[in-house]
């Protein structure tokens, strides 16, 4: 009988101690709110509540790779043709250094790939002077008055390679059409012309003719590369390349 009483007391003490430990552990846990606003205890590691909490974590939506949002920009460029290239076709000529300006629209992902459509004006005027084709004699020189302008429209595909957070490198190529507007005339030099050809005299009006242009509509070949800086919808570019003439320039614009 005494043994049964001791066993009962021991069991009671053990159960009481277990309940006290459990109540202290529960007291240490801070209640949380579930979806319905009811108070609940924090989930234990590995529980279904923890999995549910993970499901409620908002994962940032990845940036669209091809959003095709338009971006408009304006550009100014310095254009030219090296004298070494001009010398292949002409023994006597004027250097070609001019300006170019225009507007562009970018479509595509600015950190991946773009299609740029550009409307461009390029000056193609030269100082009045005697020009002589390569291989021709001095008397074949012609006094040339050239005041032409090239208006072009082209589309260029660009691959963009990110460098750092806001700075990208790009390279691309495209095609288009251009029209030559303006006037160009040539006048023959006097038959007594000798070296130096640049000093030869020409007829005043006799033999003066319009420059024989095969066509005033010409194809445009565009190859470009450069650096692009972008932040808060603003983009600035350092451009260089070849669009029927070599160029280097700057452009800036905003997202529409």
C-alpha atoms as a PDB file:
ATOM      1  CA  UNK A   1       0.000   0.000   0.000  1.00  0.00           C
ATOM      2  CA  UNK A   2       2.787   2.367   0.962  1.00  0.00           C
ATOM      3  CA  UNK A   3       4.628   1.488  -2.231  1.00  0.00           C
ATOM      4  CA  UNK A   4       1.574   2.335  -4.351  1.00  0.00           C
ATOM      5  CA  UNK A   5       1.265   5.704  -2.646  1.00  0.00           C
ATOM      6  CA  UNK A   6       4.923   6.517  -3.314  1.00  0.00           C
ATOM      7  CA  UNK A   7       4.507   5.572  -6.964  1.00  0.00           C
ATOM      8  CA  UNK A   8       1.429   7.785  -7.269  1.00  0.00           C
ATOM      9  CA  UNK A   9       3.201  10.739  -5.640  1.00  0.00           C
ATOM     10  CA  UNK A  10       6.223  10.332  -7.919  1.00  0.00           C
ATOM     11  CA  UNK A  11       4.040  10.207 -11.011  1.00  0.00           C
ATOM     12  CA  UNK A  12       2.149  13.318  -9.912  1.00  0.00           C
ATOM     13  CA  UNK A  13       5.400  15.226  -9.292  1.00  0.00           C
ATOM     14  CA  UNK A  14       6.770  14.244 -12.733  1.00  0.00           C
ATOM     15  CA  UNK A  15       3.594  15.306 -14.542  1.00  0.00           C
ATOM     16  CA  UNK A  16       3.533  18.607 -12.623  1.00  0.00           C
ATOM     17  CA  UNK A  17       7.180  19.338 -13.550  1.00  0.00           C
ATOM     18  CA  UNK A  18       6.499  18.543 -17.217  1.00  0.00           C
ATOM     19  CA  UNK A  19       3.518  20.899 -17.325  1.00  0.00           C
ATOM     20  CA  UNK A  20       5.526  23.683 -15.689  1.00  0.00           C
ATOM     21  CA  UNK A  21       8.324  23.318 -18.263  1.00  0.00           C
ATOM     22  CA  UNK A  22       5.827  23.341 -21.108  1.00  0.00           C
ATOM     23  CA  UNK A  23       4.070  26.441 -19.780  1.00  0.00           C
ATOM     24  CA  UNK A  24       7.419  28.297 -19.411  1.00  0.00           C
ATOM     25  CA  UNK A  25       8.382  27.373 -22.966  1.00  0.00           C
ATOM     26  CA  UNK A  26       5.051  28.591 -24.301  1.00  0.00           C
ATOM     27  CA  UNK A  27       5.348  31.790 -22.277  1.00  0.00           C
ATOM     28  CA  UNK A  28       8.682  32.570 -23.948  1.00  0.00           C
ATOM     29  CA  UNK A  29       7.123  32.433 -27.441  1.00  0.00           C
ATOM     30  CA  UNK A  30       5.613  35.654 -28.733  1.00  0.00           C
ATOM     31  CA  UNK A  31       2.247  35.336 -30.445  1.00  0.00           C
ATOM     32  CA  UNK A  32       1.934  36.129 -34.157  1.00  0.00           C
ATOM     33  CA  UNK A  33      -1.046  36.898 -36.332  1.00  0.00           C
ATOM     34  CA  UNK A  34      -2.282  34.482 -38.950  1.00  0.00           C
ATOM     35  CA  UNK A  35      -4.100  35.445 -42.161  1.00  0.00           C
ATOM     36  CA  UNK A  36      -7.418  35.871 -40.332  1.00  0.00           C
ATOM     37  CA  UNK A  37      -5.856  38.054 -37.630  1.00  0.00           C
ATOM     38  CA  UNK A  38      -6.047  35.436 -34.877  1.00  0.00           C
ATOM     39  CA  UNK A  39      -3.172  35.159 -32.398  1.00  0.00           C
ATOM     40  CA  UNK A  40      -0.993  32.109 -32.787  1.00  0.00           C
ATOM     41  CA  UNK A  41       2.304  30.912 -31.455  1.00  0.00           C
ATOM     42  CA  UNK A  42       5.397  31.211 -33.626  1.00  0.00           C
ATOM     43  CA  UNK A  43       5.911  28.150 -35.804  1.00  0.00           C
ATOM     44  CA  UNK A  44       8.565  25.683 -34.806  1.00  0.00           C
ATOM     45  CA  UNK A  45      11.370  24.944 -37.267  1.00  0.00           C
ATOM     46  CA  UNK A  46      10.276  22.362 -39.801  1.00  0.00           C
ATOM     47  CA  UNK A  47       6.556  22.825 -39.154  1.00  0.00           C
ATOM     48  CA  UNK A  48       3.879  23.371 -41.776  1.00  0.00           C
ATOM     49  CA  UNK A  49       3.448  26.928 -40.463  1.00  0.00           C
ATOM     50  CA  UNK A  50       7.040  27.699 -41.422  1.00  0.00           C
ATOM     51  CA  UNK A  51       6.409  26.460 -44.952  1.00  0.00           C
ATOM     52  CA  UNK A  52       3.305  28.621 -45.124  1.00  0.00           C
ATOM     53  CA  UNK A  53       5.325  31.613 -43.929  1.00  0.00           C
ATOM     54  CA  UNK A  54       7.852  31.011 -46.692  1.00  0.00           C
ATOM     55  CA  UNK A  55       5.054  30.918 -49.264  1.00  0.00           C
ATOM     56  CA  UNK A  56       3.919  34.365 -48.101  1.00  0.00           C
ATOM     57  CA  UNK A  57       7.361  35.902 -48.787  1.00  0.00           C
ATOM     58  CA  UNK A  58       7.099  38.234 -51.763  1.00  0.00           C
ATOM     59  CA  UNK A  59       9.639  37.336 -54.449  1.00  0.00           C
ATOM     60  CA  UNK A  60      10.680  40.331 -56.608  1.00  0.00           C
ATOM     61  CA  UNK A  61       9.406  40.119 -60.142  1.00  0.00           C
ATOM     62  CA  UNK A  62      12.371  39.690 -62.507  1.00  0.00           C
ATOM     63  CA  UNK A  63      13.010  42.537 -64.931  1.00  0.00           C
ATOM     64  CA  UNK A  64      11.438  42.026 -68.349  1.00  0.00           C
ATOM     65  CA  UNK A  65      14.079  41.144 -70.894  1.00  0.00           C
ATOM     66  CA  UNK A  66      12.200  42.596 -73.882  1.00  0.00           C
ATOM     67  CA  UNK A  67       9.921  45.401 -72.741  1.00  0.00           C
ATOM     68  CA  UNK A  68      10.138  47.297 -76.090  1.00  0.00           C
ATOM     69  CA  UNK A  69       9.372  50.601 -74.426  1.00  0.00           C
ATOM     70  CA  UNK A  70      10.361  53.544 -76.665  1.00  0.00           C
ATOM     71  CA  UNK A  71      13.194  55.884 -75.800  1.00  0.00           C
ATOM     72  CA  UNK A  72      13.779  59.076 -77.784  1.00  0.00           C
ATOM     73  CA  UNK A  73      17.157  60.768 -78.107  1.00  0.00           C
ATOM     74  CA  UNK A  74      19.027  63.495 -79.982  1.00  0.00           C
ATOM     75  CA  UNK A  75      22.613  63.261 -81.195  1.00  0.00           C
ATOM     76  CA  UNK A  76      25.408  65.451 -82.541  1.00  0.00           C
ATOM     77  CA  UNK A  77      28.468  64.025 -84.275  1.00  0.00           C
ATOM     78  CA  UNK A  78      31.721  64.954 -85.905  1.00  0.00           C
ATOM     79  CA  UNK A  79      32.017  63.216 -89.273  1.00  0.00           C
ATOM     80  CA  UNK A  80      34.840  62.844 -91.738  1.00  0.00           C
ATOM     81  CA  UNK A  81      36.802  60.736 -94.197  1.00  0.00           C
ATOM     82  CA  UNK A  82      40.568  60.262 -93.655  1.00  0.00           C
ATOM     83  CA  UNK A  83      42.789  61.866 -96.276  1.00  0.00           C
ATOM     84  CA  UNK A  84      44.416  58.487 -96.888  1.00  0.00           C
ATOM     85  CA  UNK A  85      41.090  57.135 -98.147  1.00  0.00           C
ATOM     86  CA  UNK A  86      40.289  60.266-100.169  1.00  0.00           C
ATOM     87  CA  UNK A  87      43.743  59.986-101.750  1.00  0.00           C
ATOM     88  CA  UNK A  88      42.846  56.610-103.249  1.00  0.00           C
ATOM     89  CA  UNK A  89      40.337  58.336-105.553  1.00  0.00           C
ATOM     90  CA  UNK A  90      41.708  61.874-105.927  1.00  0.00           C
ATOM     91  CA  UNK A  91      45.199  63.251-106.347  1.00  0.00           C
ATOM     92  CA  UNK A  92      43.960  66.748-105.453  1.00  0.00           C
ATOM     93  CA  UNK A  93      41.020  67.260-103.112  1.00  0.00           C
ATOM     94  CA  UNK A  94      39.791  69.115-100.055  1.00  0.00           C
ATOM     95  CA  UNK A  95      39.685  67.434 -96.629  1.00  0.00           C
ATOM     96  CA  UNK A  96      36.276  66.289 -95.478  1.00  0.00           C
ATOM     97  CA  UNK A  97      35.386  67.160 -91.860  1.00  0.00           C
ATOM     98  CA  UNK A  98      31.831  68.133 -91.071  1.00  0.00           C
ATOM     99  CA  UNK A  99      28.969  67.900 -88.579  1.00  0.00           C
ATOM    100  CA  UNK A 100      25.977  65.620 -88.275  1.00  0.00           C
ATOM    101  CA  UNK A 101      22.832  65.768 -86.138  1.00  0.00           C
ATOM    102  CA  UNK A 102      19.598  63.890 -85.776  1.00  0.00           C
ATOM    103  CA  UNK A 103      16.948  62.118 -83.743  1.00  0.00           C
ATOM    104  CA  UNK A 104      16.686  58.477 -82.739  1.00  0.00           C
ATOM    105  CA  UNK A 105      14.179  56.079 -81.188  1.00  0.00           C
ATOM    106  CA  UNK A 106      15.348  53.019 -79.227  1.00  0.00           C
ATOM    107  CA  UNK A 107      13.099  49.967 -78.892  1.00  0.00           C
ATOM    108  CA  UNK A 108      13.993  46.985 -76.734  1.00  0.00           C
ATOM    109  CA  UNK A 109      15.637  46.067 -73.453  1.00  0.00           C
ATOM    110  CA  UNK A 110      18.349  48.684 -72.710  1.00  0.00           C
ATOM    111  CA  UNK A 111      20.474  46.075 -70.880  1.00  0.00           C
ATOM    112  CA  UNK A 112      20.168  43.341 -73.492  1.00  0.00           C
ATOM    113  CA  UNK A 113      19.367  44.291 -77.093  1.00  0.00           C
ATOM    114  CA  UNK A 114      18.003  47.311 -78.924  1.00  0.00           C
ATOM    115  CA  UNK A 115      16.737  48.378 -82.310  1.00  0.00           C
ATOM    116  CA  UNK A 116      17.543  52.034 -83.003  1.00  0.00           C
ATOM    117  CA  UNK A 117      15.784  53.984 -85.756  1.00  0.00           C
ATOM    118  CA  UNK A 118      17.602  57.197 -86.682  1.00  0.00           C
ATOM    119  CA  UNK A 119      16.741  60.202 -88.833  1.00  0.00           C
ATOM    120  CA  UNK A 120      19.989  61.966 -89.591  1.00  0.00           C
ATOM    121  CA  UNK A 121      21.377  65.036 -91.368  1.00  0.00           C
ATOM    122  CA  UNK A 122      25.018  65.046 -92.484  1.00  0.00           C
ATOM    123  CA  UNK A 123      26.735  67.989 -94.105  1.00  0.00           C
ATOM    124  CA  UNK A 124      28.767  67.217 -97.237  1.00  0.00           C
ATOM    125  CA  UNK A 125      30.013  70.645 -98.317  1.00  0.00           C
ATOM    126  CA  UNK A 126      33.589  71.407 -99.386  1.00  0.00           C
ATOM    127  CA  UNK A 127      35.533  74.622 -99.951  1.00  0.00           C
ATOM    128  CA  UNK A 128      35.588  75.611-103.617  1.00  0.00           C
ATOM    129  CA  UNK A 129      38.794  74.236-105.147  1.00  0.00           C
ATOM    130  CA  UNK A 130      40.380  72.236-107.960  1.00  0.00           C
ATOM    131  CA  UNK A 131      39.902  68.480-107.793  1.00  0.00           C
ATOM    132  CA  UNK A 132      41.922  65.974-109.793  1.00  0.00           C
ATOM    133  CA  UNK A 133      41.047  62.313-110.113  1.00  0.00           C
ATOM    134  CA  UNK A 134      43.800  59.814-109.330  1.00  0.00           C
ATOM    135  CA  UNK A 135      45.859  58.937-112.410  1.00  0.00           C
ATOM    136  CA  UNK A 136      44.677  61.917-114.491  1.00  0.00           C
ATOM    137  CA  UNK A 137      46.866  64.715-115.864  1.00  0.00           C
ATOM    138  CA  UNK A 138      46.804  68.280-114.474  1.00  0.00           C
ATOM    139  CA  UNK A 139      44.719  69.601-117.398  1.00  0.00           C
ATOM    140  CA  UNK A 140      41.934  67.179-116.428  1.00  0.00           C
ATOM    141  CA  UNK A 141      41.393  68.911-113.080  1.00  0.00           C
ATOM    142  CA  UNK A 142      38.040  70.532-112.422  1.00  0.00           C
ATOM    143  CA  UNK A 143      37.125  73.477-110.272  1.00  0.00           C
ATOM    144  CA  UNK A 144      34.421  72.060-107.985  1.00  0.00           C
ATOM    145  CA  UNK A 145      31.734  73.842-105.983  1.00  0.00           C
ATOM    146  CA  UNK A 146      30.089  71.255-103.733  1.00  0.00           C
ATOM    147  CA  UNK A 147      27.217  72.083-101.364  1.00  0.00           C
ATOM    148  CA  UNK A 148      25.464  68.785-100.646  1.00  0.00           C
ATOM    149  CA  UNK A 149      23.593  67.417 -97.643  1.00  0.00           C
ATOM    150  CA  UNK A 150      22.756  63.793 -96.844  1.00  0.00           C
ATOM    151  CA  UNK A 151      19.400  63.049 -95.201  1.00  0.00           C
ATOM    152  CA  UNK A 152      19.250  59.430 -94.043  1.00  0.00           C
ATOM    153  CA  UNK A 153      16.889  57.024 -92.302  1.00  0.00           C
ATOM    154  CA  UNK A 154      18.226  53.726 -91.001  1.00  0.00           C
ATOM    155  CA  UNK A 155      17.488  50.944 -88.521  1.00  0.00           C
ATOM    156  CA  UNK A 156      20.315  49.455 -86.459  1.00  0.00           C
ATOM    157  CA  UNK A 157      20.325  46.355 -84.262  1.00  0.00           C
ATOM    158  CA  UNK A 158      22.528  46.637 -81.158  1.00  0.00           C
ATOM    159  CA  UNK A 159      23.721  44.007 -78.705  1.00  0.00           C
ATOM    160  CA  UNK A 160      24.204  45.483 -75.222  1.00  0.00           C
ATOM    161  CA  UNK A 161      26.837  44.096 -72.818  1.00  0.00           C
ATOM    162  CA  UNK A 162      26.514  45.390 -69.212  1.00  0.00           C
ATOM    163  CA  UNK A 163      29.803  46.512 -67.621  1.00  0.00           C
ATOM    164  CA  UNK A 164      28.671  47.856 -64.246  1.00  0.00           C
ATOM    165  CA  UNK A 165      25.301  48.760 -62.782  1.00  0.00           C
ATOM    166  CA  UNK A 166      24.579  51.796 -65.012  1.00  0.00           C
ATOM    167  CA  UNK A 167      27.295  51.542 -67.695  1.00  0.00           C
ATOM    168  CA  UNK A 168      26.999  49.342 -70.788  1.00  0.00           C
ATOM    169  CA  UNK A 169      29.026  48.586 -73.907  1.00  0.00           C
ATOM    170  CA  UNK A 170      27.220  48.027 -77.188  1.00  0.00           C
ATOM    171  CA  UNK A 171      27.967  47.056 -80.773  1.00  0.00           C
ATOM    172  CA  UNK A 172      25.626  46.913 -83.734  1.00  0.00           C
ATOM    173  CA  UNK A 173      24.950  47.231 -87.409  1.00  0.00           C
ATOM    174  CA  UNK A 174      22.142  48.314 -89.693  1.00  0.00           C
ATOM    175  CA  UNK A 175      20.926  49.445 -93.092  1.00  0.00           C
ATOM    176  CA  UNK A 176      18.935  52.328 -94.487  1.00  0.00           C
ATOM    177  CA  UNK A 177      18.454  54.803 -97.304  1.00  0.00           C
ATOM    178  CA  UNK A 178      19.715  58.354 -97.823  1.00  0.00           C
ATOM    179  CA  UNK A 179      18.948  61.189-100.196  1.00  0.00           C
ATOM    180  CA  UNK A 180      21.476  63.764-101.398  1.00  0.00           C
ATOM    181  CA  UNK A 181      20.078  67.305-101.563  1.00  0.00           C
ATOM    182  CA  UNK A 182      21.810  70.501-102.636  1.00  0.00           C
ATOM    183  CA  UNK A 183      23.952  71.560-105.576  1.00  0.00           C
ATOM    184  CA  UNK A 184      27.344  70.601-106.962  1.00  0.00           C
ATOM    185  CA  UNK A 185      28.962  72.019-110.085  1.00  0.00           C
ATOM    186  CA  UNK A 186      32.294  71.559-111.843  1.00  0.00           C
ATOM    187  CA  UNK A 187      34.196  73.817-114.245  1.00  0.00           C
ATOM    188  CA  UNK A 188      37.154  72.758-116.353  1.00  0.00           C
ATOM    189  CA  UNK A 189      40.516  74.366-115.649  1.00  0.00           C
ATOM    190  CA  UNK A 190      42.422  76.128-118.432  1.00  0.00           C
ATOM    191  CA  UNK A 191      44.312  73.772-120.787  1.00  0.00           C
ATOM    192  CA  UNK A 192      47.622  75.330-119.732  1.00  0.00           C
ATOM    193  CA  UNK A 193      47.213  73.927-116.195  1.00  0.00           C
ATOM    194  CA  UNK A 194      50.371  72.399-114.750  1.00  0.00           C
ATOM    195  CA  UNK A 195      51.542  71.535-111.270  1.00  0.00           C
ATOM    196  CA  UNK A 196      50.553  72.609-108.703  1.00  0.00           C
ATOM    197  CA  UNK A 197      46.996  71.860-109.742  1.00  0.00           C
ATOM    198  CA  UNK A 198      45.530  73.761-106.786  1.00  0.00           C
ATOM    199  CA  UNK A 199      46.775  77.043-108.339  1.00  0.00           C
ATOM    200  CA  UNK A 200      45.379  76.457-111.828  1.00  0.00           C
ATOM    201  CA  UNK A 201      42.870  78.960-113.231  1.00  0.00           C
ATOM    202  CA  UNK A 202      39.473  77.834-114.528  1.00  0.00           C
ATOM    203  CA  UNK A 203      36.957  79.134-117.018  1.00  0.00           C
ATOM    204  CA  UNK A 204      34.388  81.571-115.643  1.00  0.00           C
ATOM    205  CA  UNK A 205      31.212  80.097-117.114  1.00  0.00           C
ATOM    206  CA  UNK A 206      32.270  78.093-120.121  1.00  0.00           C
ATOM    207  CA  UNK A 207      32.151  74.306-119.417  1.00  0.00           C
ATOM    208  CA  UNK A 208      30.415  74.794-116.061  1.00  0.00           C
ATOM    209  CA  UNK A 209      28.070  71.836-115.510  1.00  0.00           C
ATOM    210  CA  UNK A 210      26.153  70.119-112.768  1.00  0.00           C
ATOM    211  CA  UNK A 211      28.137  67.364-111.082  1.00  0.00           C
ATOM    212  CA  UNK A 212      27.155  64.080-112.678  1.00  0.00           C
ATOM    213  CA  UNK A 213      25.708  62.091-109.770  1.00  0.00           C
ATOM    214  CA  UNK A 214      24.645  58.541-110.747  1.00  0.00           C
ATOM    215  CA  UNK A 215      21.741  58.834-108.287  1.00  0.00           C
ATOM    216  CA  UNK A 216      20.633  61.049-105.441  1.00  0.00           C
ATOM    217  CA  UNK A 217      19.227  58.100-103.495  1.00  0.00           C
ATOM    218  CA  UNK A 218      21.945  55.919-102.005  1.00  0.00           C
ATOM    219  CA  UNK A 219      22.052  52.990 -99.558  1.00  0.00           C
ATOM    220  CA  UNK A 220      23.208  53.514 -95.977  1.00  0.00           C
ATOM    221  CA  UNK A 221      25.515  51.057 -94.234  1.00  0.00           C
ATOM    222  CA  UNK A 222      25.787  51.642 -90.501  1.00  0.00           C
ATOM    223  CA  UNK A 223      28.296  50.015 -88.130  1.00  0.00           C
ATOM    224  CA  UNK A 224      28.440  51.394 -84.594  1.00  0.00           C
ATOM    225  CA  UNK A 225      29.879  50.821 -81.139  1.00  0.00           C
ATOM    226  CA  UNK A 226      30.175  52.823 -77.940  1.00  0.00           C
ATOM    227  CA  UNK A 227      29.339  53.234 -74.267  1.00  0.00           C
ATOM    228  CA  UNK A 228      25.906  53.880 -72.756  1.00  0.00           C
ATOM    229  CA  UNK A 229      25.162  55.414 -69.336  1.00  0.00           C
ATOM    230  CA  UNK A 230      21.631  54.943 -67.974  1.00  0.00           C
ATOM    231  CA  UNK A 231      19.853  56.019 -64.796  1.00  0.00           C
ATOM    232  CA  UNK A 232      16.238  56.929 -63.896  1.00  0.00           C
ATOM    233  CA  UNK A 233      15.023  56.776 -67.490  1.00  0.00           C
ATOM    234  CA  UNK A 234      17.840  59.005 -68.796  1.00  0.00           C
ATOM    235  CA  UNK A 235      20.448  57.675 -71.231  1.00  0.00           C
ATOM    236  CA  UNK A 236      23.635  59.214 -72.566  1.00  0.00           C
ATOM    237  CA  UNK A 237      25.855  57.588 -75.183  1.00  0.00           C
ATOM    238  CA  UNK A 238      29.322  57.996 -76.586  1.00  0.00           C
ATOM    239  CA  UNK A 239      28.934  56.854 -80.195  1.00  0.00           C
ATOM    240  CA  UNK A 240      31.503  56.003 -82.829  1.00  0.00           C
ATOM    241  CA  UNK A 241      31.272  54.142 -86.087  1.00  0.00           C
ATOM    242  CA  UNK A 242      30.646  54.383 -89.812  1.00  0.00           C
ATOM    243  CA  UNK A 243      27.455  55.552 -91.524  1.00  0.00           C
ATOM    244  CA  UNK A 244      28.632  56.122 -95.098  1.00  0.00           C
ATOM    245  CA  UNK A 245      31.224  58.381 -93.396  1.00  0.00           C
ATOM    246  CA  UNK A 246      33.174  57.872 -90.187  1.00  0.00           C
ATOM    247  CA  UNK A 247      31.849  59.591 -87.068  1.00  0.00           C
ATOM    248  CA  UNK A 248      32.220  60.115 -83.324  1.00  0.00           C
ATOM    249  CA  UNK A 249      29.649  61.881 -81.186  1.00  0.00           C
ATOM    250  CA  UNK A 250      27.346  62.143 -78.203  1.00  0.00           C
ATOM    251  CA  UNK A 251      23.650  61.474 -77.719  1.00  0.00           C
ATOM    252  CA  UNK A 252      21.214  61.918 -74.853  1.00  0.00           C
ATOM    253  CA  UNK A 253      17.544  61.162 -74.325  1.00  0.00           C
ATOM    254  CA  UNK A 254      14.674  60.046 -72.104  1.00  0.00           C
ATOM    255  CA  UNK A 255      12.210  57.185 -71.894  1.00  0.00           C
ATOM    256  CA  UNK A 256       8.806  58.087 -73.336  1.00  0.00           C
END
